[in-house]
């Protein structure tokens, strides 16, 4: 990844930026995440720096761990990013993953398989076509089994039933 000297230099620059005169609050631009950036975030958070986040940690320790992760991420990806953006993206990824995992039992799916995260996959078109054709045929068979109703007969039966109801009163 990078040397300790680069890491210390980036940390010093970050500290200098924080101690500089306060700037006016501005609306920050939406950060655009690439697939490589997401992979880097997850590999740092869940791999290289996982021990910094695991166990009972105080708020100060977690904040320091997120700041170290931000610095490493910024060095590796050569981007300027805030700690809050990293945390928010990580939480969003966790929430999306949890939603998918919970929905597996409801939908009958057996996991993500080889599908990249946050991408959808359509079932094999020939398999899907066969399923649709089978369903259409099943519905046609059901229609054939039903008796065909003659409109004239239906009106006669309706009239008879109405007449019987009036006579019973």
N, C-alpha and C. Protein backbone atom coordinates (compact mmCIF):
# COMPACT_ATOMS: atom_id res chain seq x y z
N UNK A 1 0.83 -1.19 0.00
CA UNK A 1 0.00 0.00 0.00
C UNK A 1 0.87 1.25 0.00
N UNK A 2 1.26 1.75 1.17
CA UNK A 2 2.08 2.95 1.24
C UNK A 2 2.99 2.85 2.44
N UNK A 3 4.01 3.69 2.44
CA UNK A 3 4.97 3.64 3.53
C UNK A 3 4.46 4.43 4.72
N UNK A 4 5.09 4.20 5.88
CA UNK A 4 4.71 4.91 7.10
C UNK A 4 5.00 6.40 6.98
N UNK A 5 6.05 6.76 6.23
CA UNK A 5 6.40 8.18 6.07
C UNK A 5 5.28 8.91 5.33
N UNK A 6 4.74 8.28 4.26
CA UNK A 6 3.63 8.89 3.54
C UNK A 6 2.41 9.02 4.44
N UNK A 7 2.18 8.00 5.24
CA UNK A 7 1.04 8.00 6.16
C UNK A 7 1.19 9.13 7.18
N UNK A 8 2.39 9.28 7.76
CA UNK A 8 2.63 10.34 8.74
C UNK A 8 2.50 11.72 8.10
N UNK A 9 2.98 11.85 6.85
CA UNK A 9 2.88 13.13 6.16
C UNK A 9 1.42 13.50 5.90
N UNK A 10 0.64 12.52 5.46
CA UNK A 10 -0.79 12.77 5.21
C UNK A 10 -1.50 13.11 6.51
N UNK A 11 -1.12 12.44 7.59
CA UNK A 11 -1.73 12.72 8.89
C UNK A 11 -1.39 14.13 9.34
N UNK A 12 -0.16 14.57 9.13
CA UNK A 12 0.25 15.93 9.49
C UNK A 12 -0.52 16.96 8.67
N UNK A 13 -0.69 16.68 7.37
CA UNK A 13 -1.47 17.60 6.53
C UNK A 13 -2.91 17.66 7.00
N UNK A 14 -3.47 16.51 7.34
CA UNK A 14 -4.85 16.47 7.82
C UNK A 14 -5.00 17.26 9.11
N UNK A 15 -4.05 17.12 10.02
CA UNK A 15 -4.08 17.85 11.29
C UNK A 15 -3.97 19.35 11.04
N UNK A 16 -3.11 19.74 10.10
CA UNK A 16 -2.94 21.15 9.77
C UNK A 16 -4.23 21.72 9.19
N UNK A 17 -4.91 20.93 8.36
CA UNK A 17 -6.17 21.39 7.78
C UNK A 17 -7.23 21.60 8.85
N UNK A 18 -7.25 20.73 9.85
CA UNK A 18 -8.25 20.82 10.91
C UNK A 18 -8.01 22.01 11.83
N UNK A 19 -6.73 22.39 12.03
CA UNK A 19 -6.42 23.49 12.94
C UNK A 19 -6.43 24.83 12.22
N UNK A 20 -6.60 24.84 10.90
CA UNK A 20 -6.65 26.09 10.15
C UNK A 20 -7.92 26.85 10.51
N UNK A 21 -8.00 28.09 10.05
CA UNK A 21 -9.16 28.93 10.36
C UNK A 21 -10.43 28.23 9.89
N UNK A 22 -11.48 28.32 10.69
CA UNK A 22 -12.72 27.63 10.32
C UNK A 22 -13.29 28.21 9.02
N UNK A 23 -13.75 27.33 8.19
CA UNK A 23 -14.32 27.77 6.93
C UNK A 23 -15.84 27.88 7.07
N UNK A 24 -16.43 28.59 6.16
CA UNK A 24 -17.89 28.71 6.20
C UNK A 24 -18.49 27.40 5.73
N UNK A 25 -19.59 26.99 6.34
CA UNK A 25 -20.18 25.72 5.94
C UNK A 25 -20.71 25.80 4.51
N UNK A 26 -20.31 24.85 3.72
CA UNK A 26 -20.78 24.79 2.34
C UNK A 26 -21.34 23.40 2.10
N UNK A 27 -22.23 23.32 1.15
CA UNK A 27 -22.81 22.03 0.82
C UNK A 27 -21.78 21.26 0.00
N UNK A 28 -21.37 20.11 0.51
CA UNK A 28 -20.34 19.36 -0.20
C UNK A 28 -20.97 18.59 -1.36
N UNK A 29 -20.14 18.36 -2.37
CA UNK A 29 -20.59 17.64 -3.55
C UNK A 29 -20.75 16.16 -3.21
N UNK A 30 -21.68 15.54 -3.87
CA UNK A 30 -21.91 14.12 -3.67
C UNK A 30 -20.70 13.35 -4.18
N UNK A 31 -20.19 12.46 -3.36
CA UNK A 31 -19.01 11.67 -3.71
C UNK A 31 -19.45 10.51 -4.60
N UNK A 32 -18.77 10.31 -5.70
CA UNK A 32 -19.10 9.23 -6.63
C UNK A 32 -18.18 8.05 -6.33
N UNK A 33 -18.79 6.93 -5.99
CA UNK A 33 -18.03 5.73 -5.62
C UNK A 33 -17.88 4.82 -6.83
N UNK A 34 -16.65 4.38 -7.06
CA UNK A 34 -16.41 3.37 -8.09
C UNK A 34 -16.37 2.00 -7.41
N UNK A 35 -16.43 0.97 -8.23
CA UNK A 35 -16.38 -0.38 -7.68
C UNK A 35 -15.05 -0.63 -6.96
N UNK A 36 -13.97 -0.09 -7.52
CA UNK A 36 -12.65 -0.23 -6.90
C UNK A 36 -12.58 0.45 -5.55
N UNK A 37 -13.23 1.59 -5.43
CA UNK A 37 -13.25 2.31 -4.15
C UNK A 37 -14.02 1.52 -3.10
N UNK A 38 -15.13 0.93 -3.51
CA UNK A 38 -15.93 0.13 -2.57
C UNK A 38 -15.12 -1.08 -2.12
N UNK A 39 -14.44 -1.73 -3.06
CA UNK A 39 -13.60 -2.87 -2.70
C UNK A 39 -12.50 -2.46 -1.74
N UNK A 40 -11.89 -1.31 -1.99
CA UNK A 40 -10.82 -0.81 -1.12
C UNK A 40 -11.36 -0.53 0.28
N UNK A 41 -12.51 0.14 0.36
CA UNK A 41 -13.12 0.43 1.66
C UNK A 41 -13.39 -0.85 2.44
N UNK A 42 -14.00 -1.83 1.78
CA UNK A 42 -14.32 -3.08 2.47
C UNK A 42 -13.07 -3.86 2.85
N UNK A 43 -12.06 -3.86 1.98
CA UNK A 43 -10.84 -4.61 2.32
C UNK A 43 -10.10 -3.95 3.48
N UNK A 44 -10.09 -2.62 3.53
CA UNK A 44 -9.45 -1.95 4.66
C UNK A 44 -10.25 -2.16 5.94
N UNK A 45 -11.56 -1.94 5.87
CA UNK A 45 -12.40 -1.99 7.08
C UNK A 45 -12.54 -3.41 7.61
N UNK A 46 -12.73 -4.37 6.72
CA UNK A 46 -12.97 -5.74 7.16
C UNK A 46 -11.72 -6.61 7.13
N UNK A 47 -10.67 -6.13 6.51
CA UNK A 47 -9.45 -6.92 6.40
C UNK A 47 -8.30 -6.33 7.17
N UNK A 48 -7.58 -5.42 6.54
CA UNK A 48 -6.34 -4.88 7.10
C UNK A 48 -6.53 -4.18 8.43
N UNK A 49 -7.65 -3.50 8.62
CA UNK A 49 -7.85 -2.73 9.85
C UNK A 49 -8.97 -3.29 10.73
N UNK A 50 -9.38 -4.51 10.48
CA UNK A 50 -10.50 -5.09 11.23
C UNK A 50 -10.23 -5.12 12.73
N UNK A 51 -8.99 -5.40 13.12
CA UNK A 51 -8.68 -5.49 14.55
C UNK A 51 -8.86 -4.16 15.26
N UNK A 52 -8.71 -3.05 14.53
CA UNK A 52 -8.91 -1.73 15.13
C UNK A 52 -10.37 -1.47 15.48
N UNK A 53 -11.28 -2.15 14.79
CA UNK A 53 -12.71 -1.92 15.00
C UNK A 53 -13.37 -2.99 15.87
N UNK A 54 -12.75 -4.16 15.97
CA UNK A 54 -13.37 -5.27 16.71
C UNK A 54 -13.24 -5.09 18.21
N UNK A 55 -14.11 -5.75 18.93
CA UNK A 55 -14.07 -5.69 20.39
C UNK A 55 -14.75 -4.44 20.92
N UNK A 56 -14.71 -4.29 22.25
CA UNK A 56 -15.32 -3.10 22.83
C UNK A 56 -14.36 -1.94 22.71
N UNK A 57 -14.76 -0.99 21.95
CA UNK A 57 -13.94 0.19 21.71
C UNK A 57 -14.71 1.42 22.18
N UNK A 58 -13.96 2.38 22.67
CA UNK A 58 -14.60 3.64 23.06
C UNK A 58 -14.87 4.48 21.81
N UNK A 59 -15.66 5.50 21.97
CA UNK A 59 -15.96 6.39 20.86
C UNK A 59 -14.68 7.02 20.33
N UNK A 60 -13.78 7.40 21.23
CA UNK A 60 -12.52 8.01 20.81
C UNK A 60 -11.67 7.03 20.01
N UNK A 61 -11.62 5.76 20.45
CA UNK A 61 -10.84 4.76 19.73
C UNK A 61 -11.44 4.51 18.35
N UNK A 62 -12.76 4.42 18.28
CA UNK A 62 -13.40 4.20 16.99
C UNK A 62 -13.20 5.39 16.06
N UNK A 63 -13.28 6.59 16.60
CA UNK A 63 -13.04 7.79 15.78
C UNK A 63 -11.63 7.80 15.23
N UNK A 64 -10.66 7.43 16.06
CA UNK A 64 -9.27 7.38 15.62
C UNK A 64 -9.09 6.29 14.55
N UNK A 65 -9.76 5.15 14.73
CA UNK A 65 -9.66 4.08 13.75
C UNK A 65 -10.26 4.51 12.40
N UNK A 66 -11.40 5.19 12.45
CA UNK A 66 -12.00 5.68 11.21
C UNK A 66 -11.11 6.73 10.54
N UNK A 67 -10.46 7.56 11.33
CA UNK A 67 -9.56 8.57 10.76
C UNK A 67 -8.36 7.90 10.09
N UNK A 68 -7.79 6.86 10.73
CA UNK A 68 -6.68 6.13 10.11
C UNK A 68 -7.15 5.46 8.82
N UNK A 69 -8.34 4.90 8.85
CA UNK A 69 -8.88 4.26 7.65
C UNK A 69 -9.06 5.30 6.55
N UNK A 70 -9.55 6.49 6.90
CA UNK A 70 -9.73 7.56 5.92
C UNK A 70 -8.40 7.94 5.27
N UNK A 71 -7.36 8.06 6.10
CA UNK A 71 -6.06 8.43 5.56
C UNK A 71 -5.51 7.37 4.62
N UNK A 72 -5.61 6.11 5.02
CA UNK A 72 -5.13 5.03 4.14
C UNK A 72 -5.94 4.97 2.86
N UNK A 73 -7.24 5.12 2.98
CA UNK A 73 -8.12 5.10 1.81
C UNK A 73 -7.75 6.25 0.86
N UNK A 74 -7.53 7.44 1.43
CA UNK A 74 -7.18 8.61 0.61
C UNK A 74 -5.85 8.41 -0.09
N UNK A 75 -4.89 7.77 0.57
CA UNK A 75 -3.59 7.51 -0.06
C UNK A 75 -3.71 6.48 -1.17
N UNK A 76 -4.42 5.42 -0.91
CA UNK A 76 -4.53 4.34 -1.89
C UNK A 76 -5.34 4.80 -3.11
N UNK A 77 -6.46 5.48 -2.86
CA UNK A 77 -7.35 5.87 -3.95
C UNK A 77 -7.04 7.25 -4.54
N UNK A 78 -6.16 8.00 -3.88
CA UNK A 78 -5.78 9.35 -4.33
C UNK A 78 -7.01 10.25 -4.46
N UNK A 79 -7.84 10.25 -3.42
CA UNK A 79 -9.03 11.10 -3.39
C UNK A 79 -9.12 11.80 -2.04
N UNK A 80 -9.80 12.92 -2.01
CA UNK A 80 -10.09 13.60 -0.75
C UNK A 80 -11.48 13.17 -0.32
N UNK A 81 -11.58 12.65 0.88
CA UNK A 81 -12.86 12.16 1.39
C UNK A 81 -12.91 12.40 2.88
N UNK A 82 -14.11 12.61 3.38
CA UNK A 82 -14.28 12.83 4.81
C UNK A 82 -14.61 11.51 5.50
N UNK A 83 -14.30 11.45 6.78
CA UNK A 83 -14.57 10.25 7.56
C UNK A 83 -16.05 9.91 7.55
N UNK A 84 -16.89 10.92 7.66
CA UNK A 84 -18.34 10.70 7.67
C UNK A 84 -18.80 10.03 6.38
N UNK A 85 -18.20 10.39 5.26
CA UNK A 85 -18.57 9.78 3.99
C UNK A 85 -18.21 8.29 3.98
N UNK A 86 -17.04 7.96 4.52
CA UNK A 86 -16.64 6.55 4.60
C UNK A 86 -17.59 5.77 5.50
N UNK A 87 -17.90 6.34 6.66
CA UNK A 87 -18.81 5.67 7.59
C UNK A 87 -20.18 5.46 6.96
N UNK A 88 -20.69 6.51 6.32
CA UNK A 88 -22.01 6.42 5.70
C UNK A 88 -22.06 5.37 4.60
N UNK A 89 -21.01 5.31 3.78
CA UNK A 89 -20.98 4.32 2.70
C UNK A 89 -20.91 2.92 3.28
N UNK A 90 -20.07 2.74 4.30
CA UNK A 90 -19.94 1.42 4.92
C UNK A 90 -21.28 0.99 5.53
N UNK A 91 -21.96 1.90 6.23
CA UNK A 91 -23.26 1.57 6.82
C UNK A 91 -24.29 1.26 5.74
N UNK A 92 -24.28 2.02 4.66
CA UNK A 92 -25.22 1.76 3.56
C UNK A 92 -24.98 0.39 2.95
N UNK A 93 -23.70 0.02 2.78
CA UNK A 93 -23.38 -1.30 2.24
C UNK A 93 -23.83 -2.40 3.19
N UNK A 94 -23.60 -2.19 4.49
CA UNK A 94 -24.03 -3.18 5.49
C UNK A 94 -25.55 -3.34 5.47
N UNK A 95 -26.27 -2.23 5.39
CA UNK A 95 -27.74 -2.28 5.38
C UNK A 95 -28.25 -3.00 4.14
N UNK A 96 -27.67 -2.69 2.99
CA UNK A 96 -28.09 -3.33 1.75
C UNK A 96 -27.82 -4.83 1.80
N UNK A 97 -26.65 -5.20 2.30
CA UNK A 97 -26.29 -6.61 2.41
C UNK A 97 -27.25 -7.33 3.36
N UNK A 98 -27.56 -6.70 4.49
CA UNK A 98 -28.48 -7.31 5.46
C UNK A 98 -29.86 -7.50 4.86
N UNK A 99 -30.31 -6.52 4.11
CA UNK A 99 -31.62 -6.62 3.46
C UNK A 99 -31.66 -7.80 2.51
N UNK A 100 -30.61 -7.97 1.74
CA UNK A 100 -30.54 -9.08 0.79
C UNK A 100 -30.52 -10.41 1.55
N UNK A 101 -29.72 -10.50 2.60
CA UNK A 101 -29.63 -11.75 3.35
C UNK A 101 -30.97 -12.11 4.00
N UNK A 102 -31.69 -11.11 4.53
CA UNK A 102 -32.98 -11.38 5.15
C UNK A 102 -34.03 -11.79 4.12
N UNK A 103 -33.93 -11.25 2.93
CA UNK A 103 -34.92 -11.55 1.89
C UNK A 103 -34.68 -12.91 1.23
N UNK A 104 -33.53 -13.51 1.45
CA UNK A 104 -33.24 -14.79 0.81
C UNK A 104 -34.27 -15.86 1.16
N UNK A 105 -34.64 -15.96 2.41
CA UNK A 105 -35.59 -16.99 2.80
C UNK A 105 -36.98 -16.69 2.25
N UNK A 106 -37.34 -15.42 2.14
CA UNK A 106 -38.66 -15.06 1.62
C UNK A 106 -38.77 -15.33 0.12
N UNK A 107 -37.69 -15.08 -0.61
CA UNK A 107 -37.74 -15.20 -2.06
C UNK A 107 -37.33 -16.58 -2.55
N UNK A 108 -36.72 -17.38 -1.69
CA UNK A 108 -36.27 -18.69 -2.11
C UNK A 108 -34.91 -18.67 -2.79
N UNK A 109 -34.28 -17.53 -2.82
CA UNK A 109 -32.94 -17.45 -3.41
C UNK A 109 -31.94 -18.07 -2.45
N UNK A 110 -30.82 -18.50 -2.98
CA UNK A 110 -29.82 -19.12 -2.12
C UNK A 110 -28.54 -18.29 -2.07
N UNK A 111 -28.68 -17.00 -2.00
CA UNK A 111 -27.51 -16.15 -1.84
C UNK A 111 -27.18 -15.37 -3.09
N UNK A 112 -26.12 -14.60 -2.99
CA UNK A 112 -25.72 -13.75 -4.09
C UNK A 112 -24.96 -14.51 -5.16
N UNK A 113 -24.37 -15.64 -4.81
CA UNK A 113 -23.61 -16.41 -5.78
C UNK A 113 -22.46 -15.61 -6.33
N UNK A 114 -22.32 -15.61 -7.64
CA UNK A 114 -21.21 -14.88 -8.26
C UNK A 114 -21.62 -13.49 -8.73
N UNK A 115 -22.78 -13.04 -8.31
CA UNK A 115 -23.26 -11.72 -8.71
C UNK A 115 -22.51 -10.66 -7.92
N UNK A 116 -22.00 -9.65 -8.60
CA UNK A 116 -21.34 -8.55 -7.92
C UNK A 116 -22.36 -7.81 -7.09
N UNK A 117 -21.93 -7.31 -5.94
CA UNK A 117 -22.83 -6.60 -5.04
C UNK A 117 -23.41 -5.38 -5.73
N UNK A 118 -24.68 -5.12 -5.49
CA UNK A 118 -25.40 -3.95 -6.00
C UNK A 118 -25.67 -4.06 -7.50
N UNK A 119 -25.66 -5.27 -8.05
CA UNK A 119 -26.01 -5.46 -9.44
C UNK A 119 -27.11 -6.50 -9.50
N UNK A 120 -27.98 -6.36 -10.47
CA UNK A 120 -29.04 -7.34 -10.61
C UNK A 120 -28.69 -8.27 -11.76
N UNK A 121 -29.26 -9.44 -11.70
CA UNK A 121 -29.01 -10.44 -12.73
C UNK A 121 -30.34 -11.00 -13.17
N UNK A 122 -30.51 -11.14 -14.45
CA UNK A 122 -31.73 -11.74 -14.96
C UNK A 122 -31.47 -13.22 -15.16
N UNK A 123 -32.51 -14.03 -14.91
CA UNK A 123 -32.32 -15.46 -15.08
C UNK A 123 -32.05 -15.76 -16.55
N UNK A 124 -31.51 -16.90 -16.80
CA UNK A 124 -31.18 -17.31 -18.16
C UNK A 124 -32.42 -17.18 -19.03
N UNK A 125 -32.29 -16.51 -20.16
CA UNK A 125 -33.45 -16.20 -20.99
C UNK A 125 -34.17 -17.45 -21.48
N UNK A 126 -33.46 -18.51 -21.82
CA UNK A 126 -34.12 -19.72 -22.30
C UNK A 126 -34.90 -20.40 -21.17
N UNK A 127 -34.34 -20.38 -19.97
CA UNK A 127 -35.04 -20.95 -18.82
C UNK A 127 -36.29 -20.13 -18.52
N UNK A 128 -36.15 -18.81 -18.55
CA UNK A 128 -37.28 -17.91 -18.28
C UNK A 128 -38.36 -18.10 -19.34
N UNK A 129 -37.96 -18.24 -20.60
CA UNK A 129 -38.93 -18.43 -21.68
C UNK A 129 -39.69 -19.74 -21.48
N UNK A 130 -39.01 -20.78 -21.06
CA UNK A 130 -39.67 -22.06 -20.82
C UNK A 130 -40.67 -21.95 -19.67
N UNK A 131 -40.32 -21.21 -18.62
CA UNK A 131 -41.24 -21.02 -17.50
C UNK A 131 -42.48 -20.25 -17.94
N UNK A 132 -42.29 -19.22 -18.73
CA UNK A 132 -43.42 -18.41 -19.21
C UNK A 132 -44.31 -19.25 -20.11
N UNK A 133 -43.71 -20.01 -21.02
CA UNK A 133 -44.49 -20.86 -21.91
C UNK A 133 -45.30 -21.90 -21.14
N UNK A 134 -44.69 -22.49 -20.10
CA UNK A 134 -45.40 -23.48 -19.29
C UNK A 134 -46.58 -22.84 -18.56
N UNK A 135 -46.41 -21.64 -18.05
CA UNK A 135 -47.49 -20.94 -17.35
C UNK A 135 -48.63 -20.58 -18.31
N UNK A 136 -48.29 -20.14 -19.50
CA UNK A 136 -49.32 -19.81 -20.50
C UNK A 136 -50.12 -21.06 -20.85
N UNK A 137 -49.44 -22.16 -21.05
CA UNK A 137 -50.12 -23.42 -21.39
C UNK A 137 -51.03 -23.88 -20.24
N UNK A 138 -50.57 -23.73 -19.00
CA UNK A 138 -51.38 -24.10 -17.84
C UNK A 138 -52.66 -23.27 -17.78
N UNK A 139 -52.54 -21.97 -18.05
CA UNK A 139 -53.72 -21.10 -18.02
C UNK A 139 -54.68 -21.44 -19.16
N UNK A 140 -54.16 -21.81 -20.32
CA UNK A 140 -55.03 -22.19 -21.44
C UNK A 140 -55.81 -23.45 -21.11
N UNK A 141 -55.15 -24.42 -20.48
CA UNK A 141 -55.83 -25.66 -20.08
C UNK A 141 -56.97 -25.37 -19.11
N UNK A 142 -56.74 -24.47 -18.17
CA UNK A 142 -57.79 -24.12 -17.21
C UNK A 142 -58.98 -23.50 -17.92
N UNK A 143 -58.73 -22.67 -18.92
CA UNK A 143 -59.83 -22.04 -19.66
C UNK A 143 -60.61 -23.08 -20.45
N UNK A 144 -59.94 -24.07 -21.01
CA UNK A 144 -60.61 -25.10 -21.80
C UNK A 144 -61.52 -25.96 -20.94
N UNK A 145 -61.11 -26.18 -19.68
CA UNK A 145 -61.89 -27.04 -18.78
C UNK A 145 -63.19 -26.37 -18.33
N UNK A 146 -63.21 -25.06 -18.30
CA UNK A 146 -64.41 -24.35 -17.88
C UNK A 146 -65.48 -24.50 -18.97
N UNK A 147 -66.75 -24.62 -18.52
CA UNK A 147 -67.84 -24.71 -19.48
C UNK A 147 -68.04 -23.36 -20.13
N UNK A 148 -68.37 -23.43 -21.39
CA UNK A 148 -68.65 -22.20 -22.10
C UNK A 148 -70.08 -21.80 -21.79
N UNK A 149 -70.28 -20.55 -21.43
CA UNK A 149 -71.59 -20.07 -21.03
C UNK A 149 -72.22 -19.32 -22.19
N UNK A 150 -73.47 -19.69 -22.45
CA UNK A 150 -74.23 -19.02 -23.49
C UNK A 150 -74.91 -17.81 -22.86
N UNK A 151 -74.81 -16.65 -23.47
CA UNK A 151 -75.38 -15.44 -22.91
C UNK A 151 -76.90 -15.56 -22.81
N UNK A 152 -77.51 -16.13 -23.80
CA UNK A 152 -78.97 -16.30 -23.78
C UNK A 152 -79.41 -17.16 -22.61
N UNK A 153 -78.70 -18.27 -22.39
CA UNK A 153 -79.04 -19.14 -21.26
C UNK A 153 -78.85 -18.42 -19.94
N UNK A 154 -77.81 -17.64 -19.86
CA UNK A 154 -77.54 -16.88 -18.63
C UNK A 154 -78.66 -15.92 -18.32
N UNK A 155 -79.18 -15.24 -19.34
CA UNK A 155 -80.28 -14.29 -19.13
C UNK A 155 -81.56 -15.01 -18.72
N UNK A 156 -81.82 -16.17 -19.31
CA UNK A 156 -83.01 -16.95 -18.94
C UNK A 156 -82.91 -17.38 -17.48
N UNK A 157 -81.72 -17.88 -17.06
CA UNK A 157 -81.54 -18.31 -15.66
C UNK A 157 -81.69 -17.13 -14.71
N UNK A 158 -81.18 -15.98 -15.08
CA UNK A 158 -81.30 -14.79 -14.25
C UNK A 158 -82.77 -14.41 -14.10
N UNK A 159 -83.51 -14.43 -15.20
CA UNK A 159 -84.95 -14.10 -15.15
C UNK A 159 -85.71 -15.08 -14.27
N UNK A 160 -85.41 -16.37 -14.41
CA UNK A 160 -86.08 -17.39 -13.58
C UNK A 160 -85.82 -17.16 -12.10
N UNK A 161 -84.57 -16.89 -11.75
CA UNK A 161 -84.21 -16.68 -10.34
C UNK A 161 -84.88 -15.43 -9.78
N UNK A 162 -84.97 -14.38 -10.58
CA UNK A 162 -85.64 -13.16 -10.13
C UNK A 162 -87.14 -13.40 -9.93
N UNK A 163 -87.74 -14.15 -10.84
CA UNK A 163 -89.18 -14.45 -10.73
C UNK A 163 -89.46 -15.28 -9.48
N UNK A 164 -88.62 -16.27 -9.21
CA UNK A 164 -88.80 -17.10 -8.01
C UNK A 164 -88.69 -16.25 -6.74
N UNK A 165 -87.73 -15.33 -6.74
CA UNK A 165 -87.54 -14.48 -5.57
C UNK A 165 -88.74 -13.58 -5.35
N UNK A 166 -89.35 -13.07 -6.43
CA UNK A 166 -90.53 -12.21 -6.30
C UNK A 166 -91.75 -13.00 -5.82
N UNK A 167 -91.90 -14.23 -6.28
CA UNK A 167 -93.04 -15.06 -5.89
C UNK A 167 -92.96 -15.46 -4.42
N UNK A 168 -91.75 -15.60 -3.89
CA UNK A 168 -91.58 -16.01 -2.50
C UNK A 168 -91.94 -14.89 -1.55
N UNK A 169 -92.00 -13.69 -1.97
CA UNK A 169 -92.32 -12.56 -1.09
C UNK A 169 -93.76 -12.43 -0.93
